[in-house]
Structures are given as C-alpha cells and as structure tokens.
Amino acid sequence: MTDNSTSVGGYGRPDGGEGALRGRTGGGAPAETRGKTTIADDVVAKIAGMAAREVPGIHNLGAGMARAIGAMRDRVPGGGSGVTQGVKVEVGESQAAVDLDVVVEYGVSIVDVAGAARTNVISAVERMTGLEVVEVNVAVDDVHLPDEEEESEPDEGRVR
C-alpha cells in the first residue's frame, strides 16, 4: 500500500496553473483517498484574499494602481470580483507562499495587523487546501485616513 502523497501547485508543470492531491489507491484504501483532487493556483489566491480581508484594521488589498484597475474591473459587467487583488501566491508540491499588498486603517498597529493577517491566511489556506504555508509576506502600501473619501459611485442621474 502506498502512502498518501500531495502534489499541488505550479512547479514542475508546463501550464503552472493547477495541481493535484493524490491519495492512496487500491482496494484497501479508503474511498475518500481513491483518485486525485485538482486545485488551481487562483483558488489558493482567493482563499488568502478572503482571509486577509477578514482581519480588522485592513482597509483594502492592492497597491494604488492595482486598486484603481480593480475598481474599473468591478464596474464592467462580467469583470469579476477583485478577491485576488493584492494577492500573489506561489504553490509547490506541498507548500505555498503568499504575498499580500495591504492598505491599513489609520491608528491601528501595523505590526499587529500584519501578524493577524499572517495567522488568518495561514489558517485558512492550510485548513482548506492541506498545503503547508511556508510564509506570508505583508507589504503595507498605504494608510487609509479617516477624512479620505472613498471613490463614490456616480449618481444614477442628474434629476430625481
């Protein structure tokens, strides 16, 4: 009987887009381990993005230009959500590394927010994918000030 082996991510694959979780095979193996599970790299990025956005003190993800492009993409029908905006992942055979670009709220401890983001991302990715997260790098690109206005939606019409 063979041991469970894990193969996830872009290393060693020509397409670099998805990986597989392989289980034990054969009649004596449990049903849930017979076959393989494929996880795309974008899945890991979405999990990391959602986990980082849950952390109090993080205002947004992405550097200035990425946020501007993401705002335009959100307005285009079918443009998709910006869940992976500000998130970059590298996925290997059994490990993953995550890079986050974040904007923090003014007044919060950046060290505490970065630590909470690391903890939340590691927990979510490891729990949902089975990958070992070897590092989560957090780059703080901006501080959101209380008096800064958000980009407001344009009025639906001039006359009400």
Protein backbone atom coordinates (compact mmCIF):
# COMPACT_ATOMS: atom_id res chain seq x y z
CA MET A 1 0.00 0.00 0.00
CA THR A 2 1.34 3.44 -0.85
CA ASP A 3 1.40 6.49 1.38
CA ASN A 4 -0.78 9.49 0.74
CA SER A 5 1.15 11.93 -1.40
CA THR A 6 0.36 15.54 -2.09
CA SER A 7 1.08 17.37 -5.31
CA VAL A 8 -0.29 20.89 -5.59
CA GLY A 9 0.76 23.96 -7.49
CA GLY A 10 2.71 25.22 -10.43
CA TYR A 11 6.20 23.79 -10.01
CA GLY A 12 7.21 21.13 -12.48
CA ARG A 13 4.15 21.63 -14.67
CA PRO A 14 4.27 23.27 -18.07
CA ASP A 15 0.98 25.13 -17.54
CA GLY A 16 1.74 26.20 -13.96
CA GLY A 17 -1.97 26.61 -13.31
CA GLU A 18 -3.17 23.80 -11.13
CA GLY A 19 -2.06 20.85 -9.05
CA ALA A 20 -3.41 17.60 -7.72
CA LEU A 21 -3.84 15.99 -4.33
CA ARG A 22 -3.27 12.28 -4.76
CA GLY A 23 -4.37 9.68 -2.30
CA ARG A 24 -3.72 6.02 -1.71
CA THR A 25 -5.03 3.70 -4.37
CA GLY A 26 -6.21 0.14 -4.39
CA GLY A 27 -8.96 -1.89 -2.83
CA GLY A 28 -7.74 -1.42 0.74
CA ALA A 29 -7.62 2.36 0.54
CA PRO A 30 -10.46 4.47 1.99
CA ALA A 31 -12.94 5.72 -0.60
CA GLU A 32 -12.10 9.39 0.02
CA THR A 33 -8.45 8.82 -0.98
CA ARG A 34 -9.04 6.97 -4.25
CA GLY A 35 -8.32 9.35 -7.08
CA LYS A 36 -6.93 12.85 -7.22
CA THR A 37 -8.15 16.32 -6.38
CA THR A 38 -7.04 19.23 -8.52
CA ILE A 39 -6.69 22.73 -7.02
CA ALA A 40 -5.96 25.75 -9.24
CA ASP A 41 -3.48 28.38 -8.06
CA ASP A 42 -6.25 31.00 -8.24
CA VAL A 43 -8.17 29.04 -5.61
CA VAL A 44 -5.33 29.50 -3.12
CA ALA A 45 -5.16 33.20 -4.01
CA LYS A 46 -8.91 33.62 -3.42
CA ILE A 47 -8.73 31.86 -0.07
CA ALA A 48 -5.80 34.05 1.01
CA GLY A 49 -7.54 37.22 -0.20
CA MET A 50 -10.76 36.46 1.65
CA ALA A 51 -8.87 35.55 4.84
CA ALA A 52 -6.81 38.77 4.72
CA ARG A 53 -9.90 40.93 4.20
CA GLU A 54 -11.47 39.46 7.37
CA VAL A 55 -8.73 40.99 9.54
CA PRO A 56 -9.78 44.13 11.45
CA GLY A 57 -7.57 47.07 10.53
CA ILE A 58 -7.10 46.10 6.88
CA HIS A 59 -8.92 48.67 4.78
CA ASN A 60 -8.19 47.19 1.36
CA LEU A 61 -5.79 44.98 -0.58
CA GLY A 62 -3.62 46.00 -3.50
CA ALA A 63 -1.18 48.77 -4.32
CA GLY A 64 -2.50 52.09 -5.67
CA MET A 65 -2.53 51.12 -9.35
CA ALA A 66 -3.95 47.65 -8.66
CA ARG A 67 -6.79 49.21 -6.64
CA ALA A 68 -7.58 51.64 -9.46
CA ILE A 69 -7.65 48.85 -12.06
CA GLY A 70 -9.71 46.69 -9.70
CA ALA A 71 -12.26 49.46 -9.25
CA MET A 72 -12.65 49.76 -13.01
CA ARG A 73 -12.90 45.97 -13.40
CA ASP A 74 -15.65 45.83 -10.77
CA ARG A 75 -17.73 48.32 -12.77
CA VAL A 76 -17.51 46.30 -16.00
CA PRO A 77 -20.25 43.67 -16.28
CA GLY A 78 -18.65 40.23 -16.07
CA GLY A 79 -15.37 41.78 -14.93
CA GLY A 80 -15.30 39.53 -11.90
CA SER A 81 -14.59 40.30 -8.31
CA GLY A 82 -11.31 41.67 -7.03
CA VAL A 83 -10.87 38.96 -4.40
CA THR A 84 -7.35 38.22 -5.59
CA GLN A 85 -6.39 41.89 -5.95
CA GLY A 86 -3.24 42.49 -3.94
CA VAL A 87 -2.59 38.76 -3.51
CA LYS A 88 0.17 36.73 -5.15
CA VAL A 89 0.75 33.07 -4.43
CA GLU A 90 3.42 30.56 -5.30
CA VAL A 91 2.30 26.97 -4.94
CA GLY A 92 4.64 23.99 -4.97
CA GLU A 93 4.30 20.27 -4.42
CA SER A 94 3.08 20.53 -0.85
CA GLN A 95 3.79 24.11 0.18
CA ALA A 96 2.58 27.60 -0.64
CA ALA A 97 3.91 31.12 -0.17
CA VAL A 98 1.67 34.18 -0.13
CA ASP A 99 2.46 37.86 -0.76
CA LEU A 100 -0.11 40.48 0.31
CA ASP A 101 -0.22 44.19 -0.57
CA VAL A 102 -2.44 45.89 2.01
CA VAL A 103 -3.81 49.29 2.98
CA VAL A 104 -4.30 49.62 6.73
CA GLU A 105 -6.63 51.90 8.67
CA TYR A 106 -5.02 54.91 10.37
CA GLY A 107 -4.39 54.38 14.06
CA VAL A 108 -4.01 50.61 14.11
CA SER A 109 -0.80 48.84 14.99
CA ILE A 110 0.67 47.77 11.65
CA VAL A 111 2.70 45.04 13.35
CA ASP A 112 -0.44 43.59 14.98
CA VAL A 113 -2.49 43.81 11.78
CA ALA A 114 0.27 42.12 9.75
CA GLY A 115 0.55 39.36 12.35
CA ALA A 116 -3.21 38.81 12.39
CA ALA A 117 -3.26 38.71 8.59
CA ARG A 118 -0.48 36.09 8.56
CA THR A 119 -2.27 33.97 11.14
CA ASN A 120 -5.65 34.16 9.37
CA VAL A 121 -4.22 33.44 5.90
CA ILE A 122 -2.10 30.52 7.09
CA SER A 123 -5.02 29.01 8.99
CA ALA A 124 -7.48 29.35 6.09
CA VAL A 125 -5.15 28.09 3.35
CA GLU A 126 -3.85 25.14 5.37
CA ARG A 127 -7.33 24.15 6.55
CA MET A 128 -8.97 24.37 3.13
CA THR A 129 -6.19 23.02 0.90
CA GLY A 130 -3.95 20.85 3.05
CA LEU A 131 -0.90 22.79 1.85
CA GLU A 132 1.78 23.93 4.28
CA VAL A 133 2.08 27.72 4.11
CA VAL A 134 5.78 28.49 4.48
CA GLU A 135 5.49 32.28 4.51
CA VAL A 136 3.08 35.16 4.23
CA ASN A 137 4.80 38.42 3.29
CA VAL A 138 2.82 41.58 4.04
CA ALA A 139 3.67 44.83 2.24
CA VAL A 140 1.86 47.85 3.66
CA ASP A 141 1.38 50.18 0.69
CA ASP A 142 -0.79 52.88 2.22
CA VAL A 143 -2.65 54.09 5.30
CA HIS A 144 -6.32 54.96 4.93
CA LEU A 145 -7.00 58.24 6.73
CA PRO A 146 -10.43 58.85 8.29
CA ASP A 147 -11.04 62.01 6.27
CA GLU A 148 -10.19 60.40 2.91
CA GLU A 149 -13.28 59.93 0.83
CA GLU A 150 -13.91 56.62 -0.85
CA GLU A 151 -14.35 56.63 -4.58
CA SER A 152 -18.06 57.23 -4.71
CA GLU A 153 -20.36 55.73 -7.27
CA PRO A 154 -21.53 58.22 -9.85
CA ASP A 155 -25.09 59.45 -9.41
CA GLU A 156 -27.61 57.43 -11.36
CA GLY A 157 -29.00 60.57 -12.94
CA ARG A 158 -28.98 64.30 -12.66
CA VAL A 159 -32.71 64.56 -11.96
CA ARG A 160 -34.54 62.75 -9.22
